[in-house]
Each structure stands twice: as structure tokens, then as C-alpha cells.
Amino acid sequence: MTTYDMTPTASAPTAPAPTASASTTSPGVHTRTHSWEPRPEPTPEILGMSGLEILRAAMDGRLPAASIMSTLGFRLTEVGEGLAVFEGDPGEHLLNPMGTVHGGFLATLLDSALGSAVMSRLPAGTMYTTVQLGVHMIRPVLADTPALRCEGRALHVGRTTATAEARVVGTHDGKLYAHGTTTCAVLRP
């Protein structure tokens, strides 16, 4: 379960300005809270599921979603053999010092779609880990940019390594915002 509270709160007065008795208050402070379900213990049932079965169970709510999705505000919307699609919501809580959405949001969205695309082709008991992530930012994402869609596709899943590619496009304009590739190590039992 993911919930958000983006309620502006009253701000506390700032320290007095360097001039005489003038004091100022900062603009409203916003807060953001989120909730997530803890990761389940690896039961024999879960250990017997393929990567695709685990992803489908998480998408359907039979298993909890990865907590990073609640933290950053994105969700798994589609899975298939070698395919994983996520959608993410930019916002002011993700801004960098320049006032644009931090590239780490796009990198995490890409890494999630890339890794999940690989995971969707792994048999039960097999895990993976990212060993290389290449990210190309094409255009800036702003706080008011509508939802972004990231589609990852596995290109090769072998005995010890796997590769995938992904694209981030605007759900509102279809424009390319970023794309990336990964190499993953396949960890067999």
C-alpha cells in the first residue's frame, strides 16, 4: 500500500535578517510521508516462484511492492516475458539545487525497469544484481512534468550475465526524456 501526504505546513520564523529589526518567514514548508509493507520472509512458496511470477504477484498486490517505489513515487504497471513497465510521478520533492528533478529519479526508474525486465526471464531461485548501468538524460524533468513511463526490455539473459535496454517517455507528450542500458550478473543457486 502506498499513500502520500503532500500537505503544506506552517513554517517557523527564520532568524532575524542582518538589518535592524526586520524578520522574515520562509515560504510554506511541505511534508511528504509514505507507507509501505515490509518485505516478506522467503518462504518455500516464494522461493519456488519464477521472476515473472514474483513481479506479477507484486503488481497484483499478493506480494508487497518494493519499498523504493513508495519512497520515490513510481509503480509497476505491466510485466511480461522480458518486459517491465513502470510509471513515475515527478514532483517538487525530487528537485535538485538547479530546480529540476534530480537525475537519480530517472536513473532509479530506468534501473527498476531494466532489472525487472531481466528478472522476468529468470527461473525460480535465481537472482540478479546490476553491475553496470548506463543512463542518458535527453531533456529536463520539471516539478510539474506529468507522469513518465519507463519500458524495459531484456535483450539477453544467459547463464551468468544479462543485458537490457529501457526508455523513459512522457505519458502526456510521448517525448523521450531518458534512455539506458544495463548489464546484470545472474546469480544461480
N, C-alpha and C. Protein backbone atom coordinates (compact mmCIF):
# COMPACT_ATOMS: atom_id res chain seq x y z
N MET A 1 0.84 -1.15 0.00
CA MET A 1 0.00 0.00 0.00
C MET A 1 0.89 1.24 0.00
N THR A 2 0.61 2.19 -0.87
CA THR A 2 1.36 3.42 -0.93
C THR A 2 0.41 4.58 -0.70
N THR A 3 0.75 5.45 0.24
CA THR A 3 -0.03 6.66 0.47
C THR A 3 0.93 7.83 0.55
N TYR A 4 0.46 8.99 0.13
CA TYR A 4 1.28 10.19 0.17
C TYR A 4 0.52 11.30 0.86
N ASP A 5 1.24 12.14 1.57
CA ASP A 5 0.68 13.34 2.15
C ASP A 5 1.61 14.48 1.78
N MET A 6 1.17 15.36 0.90
CA MET A 6 2.00 16.47 0.42
C MET A 6 1.43 17.78 0.96
N THR A 7 1.03 17.79 2.21
CA THR A 7 0.36 18.93 2.82
C THR A 7 1.34 20.03 3.17
N PRO A 8 1.07 21.27 2.72
CA PRO A 8 1.90 22.38 3.18
C PRO A 8 1.67 22.58 4.68
N THR A 9 2.74 22.88 5.40
CA THR A 9 2.62 23.12 6.83
C THR A 9 3.08 24.53 7.13
N ALA A 10 2.64 25.06 8.23
CA ALA A 10 3.07 26.40 8.61
C ALA A 10 4.56 26.40 8.86
N SER A 11 5.23 27.44 8.42
CA SER A 11 6.68 27.49 8.60
C SER A 11 7.03 28.27 9.86
N ALA A 12 8.16 27.93 10.42
CA ALA A 12 8.65 28.63 11.59
C ALA A 12 9.38 29.89 11.12
N PRO A 13 9.39 30.94 11.91
CA PRO A 13 10.11 32.14 11.52
C PRO A 13 11.60 31.83 11.38
N THR A 14 12.23 32.54 10.45
CA THR A 14 13.66 32.37 10.25
C THR A 14 14.39 33.30 11.20
N ALA A 15 15.68 33.17 11.27
CA ALA A 15 16.48 34.05 12.12
C ALA A 15 16.34 35.48 11.62
N PRO A 16 16.49 36.45 12.52
CA PRO A 16 16.36 37.85 12.09
C PRO A 16 17.31 38.16 10.96
N ALA A 17 16.85 39.02 10.04
CA ALA A 17 17.69 39.45 8.92
C ALA A 17 18.83 40.28 9.46
N PRO A 18 19.92 40.39 8.71
CA PRO A 18 21.08 41.13 9.20
C PRO A 18 20.80 42.60 9.47
N THR A 19 19.76 43.16 8.89
CA THR A 19 19.45 44.57 9.11
C THR A 19 18.60 44.74 10.36
N ALA A 20 18.65 45.82 10.98
CA ALA A 20 17.92 46.22 12.18
C ALA A 20 16.95 45.18 12.72
N SER A 21 15.66 45.50 12.83
CA SER A 21 14.72 44.60 13.48
C SER A 21 13.84 43.84 12.50
N ALA A 22 14.18 43.82 11.24
CA ALA A 22 13.35 43.13 10.25
C ALA A 22 13.49 41.62 10.43
N SER A 23 12.36 40.91 10.35
CA SER A 23 12.42 39.46 10.35
C SER A 23 11.53 38.96 9.23
N THR A 24 11.85 37.83 8.71
CA THR A 24 11.09 37.28 7.59
C THR A 24 10.68 35.86 7.93
N THR A 25 9.72 35.38 7.21
CA THR A 25 9.34 33.98 7.35
C THR A 25 9.57 33.33 5.99
N SER A 26 9.93 32.07 6.03
CA SER A 26 10.15 31.35 4.77
C SER A 26 8.80 30.93 4.20
N PRO A 27 8.77 30.65 2.90
CA PRO A 27 7.51 30.16 2.32
C PRO A 27 7.08 28.86 3.02
N GLY A 28 5.83 28.46 2.81
CA GLY A 28 5.31 27.26 3.45
C GLY A 28 6.20 26.05 3.25
N VAL A 29 6.36 25.30 4.29
CA VAL A 29 7.15 24.08 4.23
C VAL A 29 6.20 22.94 3.89
N HIS A 30 6.58 22.08 2.97
CA HIS A 30 5.75 20.94 2.60
C HIS A 30 6.33 19.69 3.24
N THR A 31 5.45 18.76 3.55
CA THR A 31 5.90 17.47 4.06
C THR A 31 5.39 16.38 3.13
N ARG A 32 6.08 15.28 3.11
CA ARG A 32 5.69 14.14 2.28
C ARG A 32 5.93 12.90 3.10
N THR A 33 4.89 12.12 3.31
CA THR A 33 5.03 10.87 4.02
C THR A 33 4.61 9.74 3.10
N HIS A 34 5.11 8.57 3.35
CA HIS A 34 4.71 7.41 2.54
C HIS A 34 4.69 6.18 3.42
N SER A 35 3.95 5.19 2.97
CA SER A 35 3.81 3.93 3.70
C SER A 35 4.18 2.79 2.78
N TRP A 36 4.67 1.72 3.35
CA TRP A 36 4.99 0.53 2.57
C TRP A 36 4.84 -0.69 3.45
N GLU A 37 4.66 -1.82 2.79
CA GLU A 37 4.59 -3.09 3.50
C GLU A 37 6.00 -3.68 3.56
N PRO A 38 6.37 -4.29 4.68
CA PRO A 38 7.71 -4.88 4.77
C PRO A 38 7.85 -6.06 3.81
N ARG A 39 9.07 -6.30 3.43
CA ARG A 39 9.39 -7.42 2.55
C ARG A 39 9.11 -8.72 3.29
N PRO A 40 8.43 -9.68 2.61
CA PRO A 40 8.12 -10.94 3.31
C PRO A 40 9.35 -11.83 3.45
N GLU A 41 9.30 -12.69 4.44
CA GLU A 41 10.36 -13.69 4.59
C GLU A 41 10.32 -14.63 3.38
N PRO A 42 11.46 -15.12 2.93
CA PRO A 42 11.47 -16.02 1.76
C PRO A 42 10.93 -17.41 2.12
N THR A 43 9.65 -17.59 1.92
CA THR A 43 9.00 -18.87 2.20
C THR A 43 9.28 -19.84 1.05
N PRO A 44 9.08 -21.14 1.26
CA PRO A 44 9.25 -22.09 0.15
C PRO A 44 8.38 -21.73 -1.05
N GLU A 45 7.18 -21.21 -0.79
CA GLU A 45 6.30 -20.81 -1.89
C GLU A 45 6.94 -19.70 -2.73
N ILE A 46 7.47 -18.67 -2.06
CA ILE A 46 8.10 -17.55 -2.78
C ILE A 46 9.36 -18.03 -3.47
N LEU A 47 10.16 -18.84 -2.79
CA LEU A 47 11.39 -19.35 -3.39
C LEU A 47 11.12 -20.22 -4.62
N GLY A 48 9.92 -20.78 -4.72
CA GLY A 48 9.55 -21.61 -5.85
C GLY A 48 8.96 -20.83 -7.02
N MET A 49 8.87 -19.50 -6.88
CA MET A 49 8.29 -18.67 -7.94
C MET A 49 9.37 -18.17 -8.89
N SER A 50 9.02 -18.10 -10.17
CA SER A 50 9.94 -17.51 -11.15
C SER A 50 9.95 -15.99 -10.96
N GLY A 51 10.90 -15.33 -11.58
CA GLY A 51 10.95 -13.87 -11.50
C GLY A 51 9.67 -13.23 -12.01
N LEU A 52 9.13 -13.74 -13.11
CA LEU A 52 7.90 -13.21 -13.67
C LEU A 52 6.73 -13.40 -12.70
N GLU A 53 6.67 -14.56 -12.04
CA GLU A 53 5.60 -14.81 -11.08
C GLU A 53 5.70 -13.86 -9.88
N ILE A 54 6.90 -13.58 -9.42
CA ILE A 54 7.09 -12.66 -8.30
C ILE A 54 6.66 -11.25 -8.70
N LEU A 55 7.05 -10.81 -9.89
CA LEU A 55 6.67 -9.47 -10.36
C LEU A 55 5.16 -9.35 -10.52
N ARG A 56 4.53 -10.37 -11.07
CA ARG A 56 3.07 -10.34 -11.23
C ARG A 56 2.37 -10.32 -9.87
N ALA A 57 2.90 -11.09 -8.92
CA ALA A 57 2.31 -11.11 -7.57
C ALA A 57 2.45 -9.75 -6.90
N ALA A 58 3.57 -9.07 -7.10
CA ALA A 58 3.75 -7.73 -6.54
C ALA A 58 2.82 -6.73 -7.22
N MET A 59 2.67 -6.84 -8.52
CA MET A 59 1.80 -5.93 -9.25
C MET A 59 0.33 -6.12 -8.85
N ASP A 60 -0.06 -7.37 -8.60
CA ASP A 60 -1.44 -7.69 -8.23
C ASP A 60 -1.72 -7.49 -6.74
N GLY A 61 -0.69 -7.18 -5.95
CA GLY A 61 -0.88 -6.97 -4.52
C GLY A 61 -0.79 -8.23 -3.68
N ARG A 62 -0.46 -9.38 -4.28
CA ARG A 62 -0.32 -10.61 -3.50
C ARG A 62 1.01 -10.62 -2.74
N LEU A 63 1.99 -9.87 -3.23
CA LEU A 63 3.26 -9.64 -2.53
C LEU A 63 3.44 -8.13 -2.44
N PRO A 64 4.13 -7.64 -1.42
CA PRO A 64 4.32 -6.19 -1.32
C PRO A 64 5.24 -5.68 -2.43
N ALA A 65 4.97 -4.47 -2.86
CA ALA A 65 5.82 -3.81 -3.84
C ALA A 65 7.15 -3.44 -3.18
N ALA A 66 8.17 -3.25 -3.99
CA ALA A 66 9.47 -2.81 -3.46
C ALA A 66 9.30 -1.44 -2.81
N SER A 67 9.85 -1.25 -1.62
CA SER A 67 9.65 -0.01 -0.87
C SER A 67 10.23 1.22 -1.57
N ILE A 68 11.21 1.06 -2.45
CA ILE A 68 11.78 2.21 -3.17
C ILE A 68 10.71 2.89 -4.02
N MET A 69 9.72 2.13 -4.47
CA MET A 69 8.67 2.71 -5.31
C MET A 69 7.83 3.70 -4.51
N SER A 70 7.53 3.40 -3.26
CA SER A 70 6.80 4.32 -2.41
C SER A 70 7.66 5.54 -2.09
N THR A 71 8.94 5.30 -1.84
CA THR A 71 9.84 6.39 -1.48
C THR A 71 9.92 7.44 -2.57
N LEU A 72 10.06 7.02 -3.82
CA LEU A 72 10.24 7.97 -4.92
C LEU A 72 8.98 8.26 -5.71
N GLY A 73 7.93 7.47 -5.55
CA GLY A 73 6.67 7.76 -6.23
C GLY A 73 6.56 7.16 -7.62
N PHE A 74 6.85 5.87 -7.75
CA PHE A 74 6.60 5.20 -9.03
C PHE A 74 6.00 3.84 -8.78
N ARG A 75 5.47 3.22 -9.83
CA ARG A 75 4.74 1.96 -9.68
C ARG A 75 4.94 1.07 -10.90
N LEU A 76 4.86 -0.23 -10.67
CA LEU A 76 4.91 -1.23 -11.74
C LEU A 76 3.53 -1.30 -12.36
N THR A 77 3.44 -1.13 -13.68
CA THR A 77 2.13 -1.11 -14.34
C THR A 77 1.93 -2.27 -15.31
N GLU A 78 3.02 -2.91 -15.73
CA GLU A 78 2.89 -4.01 -16.70
C GLU A 78 4.13 -4.89 -16.63
N VAL A 79 3.92 -6.21 -16.71
CA VAL A 79 5.03 -7.15 -16.81
C VAL A 79 4.68 -8.23 -17.82
N GLY A 80 5.70 -8.75 -18.43
CA GLY A 80 5.56 -9.86 -19.37
C GLY A 80 6.92 -10.52 -19.49
N GLU A 81 7.01 -11.55 -20.29
CA GLU A 81 8.28 -12.24 -20.51
C GLU A 81 9.28 -11.26 -21.13
N GLY A 82 10.28 -10.86 -20.36
CA GLY A 82 11.31 -9.93 -20.85
C GLY A 82 10.87 -8.48 -20.90
N LEU A 83 9.76 -8.13 -20.27
CA LEU A 83 9.21 -6.77 -20.30
C LEU A 83 8.81 -6.31 -18.90
N ALA A 84 9.16 -5.08 -18.58
CA ALA A 84 8.70 -4.46 -17.32
C ALA A 84 8.45 -2.98 -17.60
N VAL A 85 7.27 -2.50 -17.18
CA VAL A 85 6.89 -1.11 -17.39
C VAL A 85 6.56 -0.47 -16.05
N PHE A 86 7.16 0.68 -15.80
CA PHE A 86 6.90 1.45 -14.60
C PHE A 86 6.41 2.83 -15.01
N GLU A 87 5.62 3.47 -14.14
CA GLU A 87 5.26 4.86 -14.32
C GLU A 87 5.64 5.60 -13.05
N GLY A 88 6.19 6.80 -13.23
CA GLY A 88 6.64 7.59 -12.09
C GLY A 88 6.10 9.00 -12.15
N ASP A 89 5.92 9.59 -10.98
CA ASP A 89 5.36 10.93 -10.85
C ASP A 89 6.41 11.91 -10.36
N PRO A 90 6.92 12.77 -11.25
CA PRO A 90 7.84 13.81 -10.80
C PRO A 90 7.12 14.74 -9.83
N GLY A 91 7.87 15.53 -9.10
CA GLY A 91 7.27 16.49 -8.18
C GLY A 91 8.35 17.31 -7.52
N GLU A 92 7.94 18.34 -6.81
CA GLU A 92 8.92 19.25 -6.21
C GLU A 92 9.77 18.58 -5.13
N HIS A 93 9.31 17.46 -4.58
CA HIS A 93 10.09 16.75 -3.57
C HIS A 93 11.33 16.08 -4.17
N LEU A 94 11.43 16.06 -5.50
CA LEU A 94 12.56 15.42 -6.19
C LEU A 94 13.53 16.43 -6.81
N LEU A 95 13.39 17.70 -6.50
CA LEU A 95 14.20 18.72 -7.16
C LEU A 95 15.65 18.73 -6.67
N ASN A 96 16.54 19.04 -7.61
CA ASN A 96 17.95 19.24 -7.28
C ASN A 96 18.19 20.73 -7.04
N PRO A 97 19.41 21.16 -6.72
CA PRO A 97 19.65 22.58 -6.44
C PRO A 97 19.36 23.51 -7.63
N MET A 98 19.31 22.98 -8.85
CA MET A 98 19.02 23.82 -10.02
C MET A 98 17.53 23.97 -10.27
N GLY A 99 16.69 23.26 -9.51
CA GLY A 99 15.25 23.38 -9.67
C GLY A 99 14.64 22.43 -10.68
N THR A 100 15.40 21.44 -11.12
CA THR A 100 14.85 20.41 -11.99
C THR A 100 14.84 19.09 -11.20
N VAL A 101 14.06 18.12 -11.68
CA VAL A 101 14.02 16.82 -10.99
C VAL A 101 15.40 16.17 -11.08
N HIS A 102 15.86 15.68 -9.95
CA HIS A 102 17.19 15.07 -9.85
C HIS A 102 17.30 13.89 -10.81
N GLY A 103 18.44 13.78 -11.46
CA GLY A 103 18.68 12.68 -12.40
C GLY A 103 18.60 11.31 -11.74
N GLY A 104 18.79 11.26 -10.43
CA GLY A 104 18.68 9.99 -9.72
C GLY A 104 17.29 9.38 -9.80
N PHE A 105 16.27 10.24 -9.94
CA PHE A 105 14.91 9.73 -10.10
C PHE A 105 14.81 8.96 -11.43
N LEU A 106 15.30 9.55 -12.51
CA LEU A 106 15.28 8.88 -13.81
C LEU A 106 16.16 7.63 -13.79
N ALA A 107 17.33 7.73 -13.16
CA ALA A 107 18.23 6.57 -13.09
C ALA A 107 17.57 5.42 -12.32
N THR A 108 16.87 5.74 -11.24
CA THR A 108 16.20 4.69 -10.46
C THR A 108 15.04 4.09 -11.24
N LEU A 109 14.29 4.92 -11.94
CA LEU A 109 13.19 4.43 -12.78
C LEU A 109 13.74 3.49 -13.85
N LEU A 110 14.83 3.90 -14.50
CA LEU A 110 15.47 3.05 -15.52
C LEU A 110 16.01 1.76 -14.91
N ASP A 111 16.72 1.86 -13.80
CA ASP A 111 17.31 0.68 -13.18
C ASP A 111 16.22 -0.32 -12.77
N SER A 112 15.09 0.19 -12.31
CA SER A 112 13.99 -0.68 -11.91
C SER A 112 13.40 -1.42 -13.11
N ALA A 113 13.16 -0.70 -14.19
CA ALA A 113 12.60 -1.33 -15.40
C ALA A 113 13.59 -2.30 -16.04
N LEU A 114 14.85 -1.91 -16.08
CA LEU A 114 15.88 -2.77 -16.67
C LEU A 114 16.04 -4.06 -15.87
N GLY A 115 16.20 -3.92 -14.56
CA GLY A 115 16.39 -5.10 -13.72
C GLY A 115 15.16 -6.00 -13.70
N SER A 116 13.98 -5.39 -13.65
CA SER A 116 12.76 -6.19 -13.64
C SER A 116 12.53 -6.91 -14.96
N ALA A 117 12.93 -6.30 -16.07
CA ALA A 117 12.84 -6.98 -17.37
C ALA A 117 13.71 -8.23 -17.37
N VAL A 118 14.91 -8.11 -16.81
CA VAL A 118 15.80 -9.28 -16.67
C VAL A 118 15.17 -10.29 -15.73
N MET A 119 14.69 -9.82 -14.56
CA MET A 119 14.08 -10.71 -13.57
C MET A 119 12.93 -11.52 -14.16
N SER A 120 12.17 -10.91 -15.06
CA SER A 120 11.00 -11.58 -15.63
C SER A 120 11.37 -12.79 -16.48
N ARG A 121 12.65 -12.96 -16.76
CA ARG A 121 13.09 -14.11 -17.55
C ARG A 121 13.89 -15.11 -16.72
N LEU A 122 13.95 -14.91 -15.41
CA LEU A 122 14.74 -15.80 -14.56
C LEU A 122 13.87 -16.89 -13.96
N PRO A 123 14.41 -18.11 -13.89
CA PRO A 123 13.66 -19.21 -13.27
C PRO A 123 13.65 -19.08 -11.74
N ALA A 124 12.82 -19.88 -11.11
CA ALA A 124 12.71 -19.88 -9.65
C ALA A 124 14.08 -20.07 -9.00
N GLY A 125 14.31 -19.36 -7.91
CA GLY A 125 15.54 -19.49 -7.15
C GLY A 125 16.73 -18.73 -7.71
N THR A 126 16.57 -18.09 -8.86
CA THR A 126 17.66 -17.35 -9.49
C THR A 126 17.48 -15.87 -9.22
N MET A 127 18.58 -15.20 -8.86
CA MET A 127 18.53 -13.77 -8.59
C MET A 127 19.45 -13.05 -9.58
N TYR A 128 19.45 -11.73 -9.51
CA TYR A 128 20.33 -10.92 -10.35
C TYR A 128 20.77 -9.71 -9.55
N THR A 129 21.80 -9.06 -10.04
CA THR A 129 22.20 -7.77 -9.49
C THR A 129 22.78 -6.93 -10.62
N THR A 130 22.53 -5.64 -10.57
CA THR A 130 23.06 -4.72 -11.57
C THR A 130 24.55 -4.56 -11.36
N VAL A 131 25.33 -4.73 -12.43
CA VAL A 131 26.78 -4.49 -12.35
C VAL A 131 27.19 -3.29 -13.20
N GLN A 132 26.33 -2.88 -14.11
CA GLN A 132 26.62 -1.70 -14.93
C GLN A 132 25.30 -1.06 -15.31
N LEU A 133 25.22 0.25 -15.17
CA LEU A 133 24.03 1.00 -15.55
C LEU A 133 24.47 2.21 -16.36
N GLY A 134 24.01 2.30 -17.59
CA GLY A 134 24.30 3.45 -18.45
C GLY A 134 23.03 4.26 -18.63
N VAL A 135 23.09 5.55 -18.29
CA VAL A 135 21.91 6.41 -18.35
C VAL A 135 22.22 7.62 -19.23
N HIS A 136 21.29 7.94 -20.11
CA HIS A 136 21.40 9.12 -20.98
C HIS A 136 20.19 10.00 -20.75
N MET A 137 20.42 11.20 -20.19
CA MET A 137 19.34 12.16 -19.96
C MET A 137 19.17 12.99 -21.23
N ILE A 138 17.96 13.07 -21.76
CA ILE A 138 17.71 13.76 -23.01
C ILE A 138 17.14 15.15 -22.80
N ARG A 139 16.19 15.29 -21.89
CA ARG A 139 15.58 16.60 -21.62
C ARG A 139 15.28 16.69 -20.13
N PRO A 140 15.21 17.92 -19.61
CA PRO A 140 14.95 18.06 -18.18
C PRO A 140 13.53 17.66 -17.80
N VAL A 141 13.40 17.18 -16.58
CA VAL A 141 12.11 16.88 -15.99
C VAL A 141 11.88 17.95 -14.92
N LEU A 142 10.71 18.59 -14.96
CA LEU A 142 10.39 19.65 -14.03
C LEU A 142 9.41 19.15 -12.97
N ALA A 143 9.24 19.91 -11.91
CA ALA A 143 8.34 19.50 -10.83
C ALA A 143 6.92 19.27 -11.34
N ASP A 144 6.50 20.04 -12.35
CA ASP A 144 5.12 19.90 -12.85
C ASP A 144 5.02 19.02 -14.09
N THR A 145 6.09 18.31 -14.44
CA THR A 145 6.02 17.37 -15.56
C THR A 145 5.06 16.25 -15.19
N PRO A 146 4.08 15.95 -16.07
CA PRO A 146 3.17 14.84 -15.77
C PRO A 146 3.91 13.50 -15.71
N ALA A 147 3.19 12.44 -15.43
CA ALA A 147 3.77 11.11 -15.24
C ALA A 147 4.67 10.70 -16.40
N LEU A 148 5.70 9.94 -16.05
CA LEU A 148 6.63 9.39 -17.03
C LEU A 148 6.48 7.88 -17.07
N ARG A 149 6.63 7.31 -18.25
CA ARG A 149 6.52 5.86 -18.45
C ARG A 149 7.90 5.33 -18.82
N CYS A 150 8.33 4.28 -18.14
CA CYS A 150 9.63 3.66 -18.42
C CYS A 150 9.40 2.20 -18.79
N GLU A 151 9.76 1.86 -20.02
CA GLU A 151 9.58 0.50 -20.52
C GLU A 151 10.95 -0.16 -20.70
N GLY A 152 11.16 -1.25 -19.97
CA GLY A 152 12.41 -2.00 -20.06
C GLY A 152 12.21 -3.32 -20.77
N ARG A 153 13.19 -3.69 -21.59
CA ARG A 153 13.14 -4.96 -22.32
C ARG A 153 14.46 -5.70 -22.18
N ALA A 154 14.37 -6.96 -21.79
CA ALA A 154 15.57 -7.80 -21.70
C ALA A 154 16.03 -8.13 -23.12
N LEU A 155 17.32 -7.98 -23.36
CA LEU A 155 17.89 -8.31 -24.68
C LEU A 155 18.56 -9.66 -24.68
N HIS A 156 19.23 -9.98 -23.58
CA HIS A 156 19.95 -11.25 -23.46
C HIS A 156 19.92 -11.68 -22.00
N VAL A 157 19.52 -12.90 -21.75
CA VAL A 157 19.60 -13.46 -20.40
C VAL A 157 20.28 -14.81 -20.54
N GLY A 158 21.55 -14.82 -20.12
CA GLY A 158 22.35 -16.05 -20.23
C GLY A 158 22.57 -16.69 -18.87
N ARG A 159 23.53 -17.60 -18.84
CA ARG A 159 23.82 -18.31 -17.58
C ARG A 159 24.39 -17.41 -16.50
N THR A 160 25.26 -16.47 -16.88
CA THR A 160 25.94 -15.65 -15.87
C THR A 160 25.72 -14.15 -16.04
N THR A 161 25.30 -13.71 -17.21
CA THR A 161 25.07 -12.28 -17.43
C THR A 161 23.76 -12.07 -18.19
N ALA A 162 23.25 -10.85 -18.07
CA ALA A 162 22.04 -10.45 -18.79
C ALA A 162 22.18 -8.98 -19.17
N THR A 163 21.53 -8.59 -20.27
CA THR A 163 21.52 -7.19 -20.68
C THR A 163 20.08 -6.78 -20.99
N ALA A 164 19.84 -5.47 -20.85
CA ALA A 164 18.50 -4.94 -21.13
C ALA A 164 18.64 -3.48 -21.53
N GLU A 165 17.58 -2.96 -22.17
CA GLU A 165 17.53 -1.55 -22.51
C GLU A 165 16.16 -0.99 -22.12
N ALA A 166 16.10 0.33 -21.88
CA ALA A 166 14.84 0.95 -21.46
C ALA A 166 14.79 2.39 -21.95
N ARG A 167 13.56 2.89 -22.04
CA ARG A 167 13.30 4.28 -22.46
C ARG A 167 12.29 4.90 -21.49
N VAL A 168 12.50 6.17 -21.17
CA VAL A 168 11.55 6.94 -20.37
C VAL A 168 10.90 7.97 -21.28
N VAL A 169 9.58 7.88 -21.40
CA VAL A 169 8.83 8.82 -22.25
C VAL A 169 7.72 9.47 -21.42
N GLY A 170 7.32 10.64 -21.86
CA GLY A 170 6.22 11.33 -21.20
C GLY A 170 4.89 10.68 -21.54
N THR A 171 4.06 10.44 -20.54
CA THR A 171 2.73 9.87 -20.81
C THR A 171 1.84 10.92 -21.48
N HIS A 172 2.19 12.18 -21.32
CA HIS A 172 1.39 13.29 -21.83
C HIS A 172 1.81 13.74 -23.22
N ASP A 173 3.09 13.55 -23.56
CA ASP A 173 3.58 14.07 -24.84
C ASP A 173 4.34 13.05 -25.68
N GLY A 174 4.63 11.86 -25.13
CA GLY A 174 5.35 10.83 -25.88
C GLY A 174 6.80 11.15 -26.15
N LYS A 175 7.30 12.28 -25.62
CA LYS A 175 8.69 12.67 -25.85
C LYS A 175 9.64 11.82 -25.03
N LEU A 176 10.82 11.58 -25.59
CA LEU A 176 11.86 10.83 -24.90
C LEU A 176 12.55 11.73 -23.88
N TYR A 177 12.58 11.30 -22.62
CA TYR A 177 13.24 12.05 -21.56
C TYR A 177 14.59 11.44 -21.19
N ALA A 178 14.70 10.12 -21.27
CA ALA A 178 15.96 9.43 -20.94
C ALA A 178 15.90 8.02 -21.51
N HIS A 179 17.07 7.43 -21.66
CA HIS A 179 17.14 6.01 -22.03
C HIS A 179 18.38 5.43 -21.39
N GLY A 180 18.41 4.10 -21.28
CA GLY A 180 19.53 3.48 -20.61
C GLY A 180 19.67 2.00 -20.92
N THR A 181 20.80 1.46 -20.49
CA THR A 181 21.10 0.04 -20.65
C THR A 181 21.68 -0.49 -19.35
N THR A 182 21.64 -1.80 -19.22
CA THR A 182 22.23 -2.42 -18.04
C THR A 182 22.91 -3.72 -18.43
N THR A 183 23.87 -4.09 -17.62
CA THR A 183 24.42 -5.44 -17.59
C THR A 183 24.21 -5.94 -16.18
N CYS A 184 23.64 -7.13 -16.06
CA CYS A 184 23.38 -7.72 -14.75
C CYS A 184 24.14 -9.03 -14.61
N ALA A 185 24.55 -9.31 -13.40
CA ALA A 185 25.09 -10.63 -13.09
C ALA A 185 23.93 -11.52 -12.71
N VAL A 186 23.87 -12.71 -13.27
CA VAL A 186 22.84 -13.69 -12.95
C VAL A 186 23.39 -14.59 -11.87
N LEU A 187 22.67 -14.70 -10.75
CA LEU A 187 23.14 -15.45 -9.59
C LEU A 187 22.28 -16.69 -9.43
N ARG A 188 22.79 -17.79 -9.91
CA ARG A 188 22.05 -19.06 -9.87
C ARG A 188 22.31 -19.77 -8.56
N PRO A 189 21.35 -20.60 -8.10
CA PRO A 189 21.53 -21.30 -6.83
C PRO A 189 22.65 -22.33 -6.89
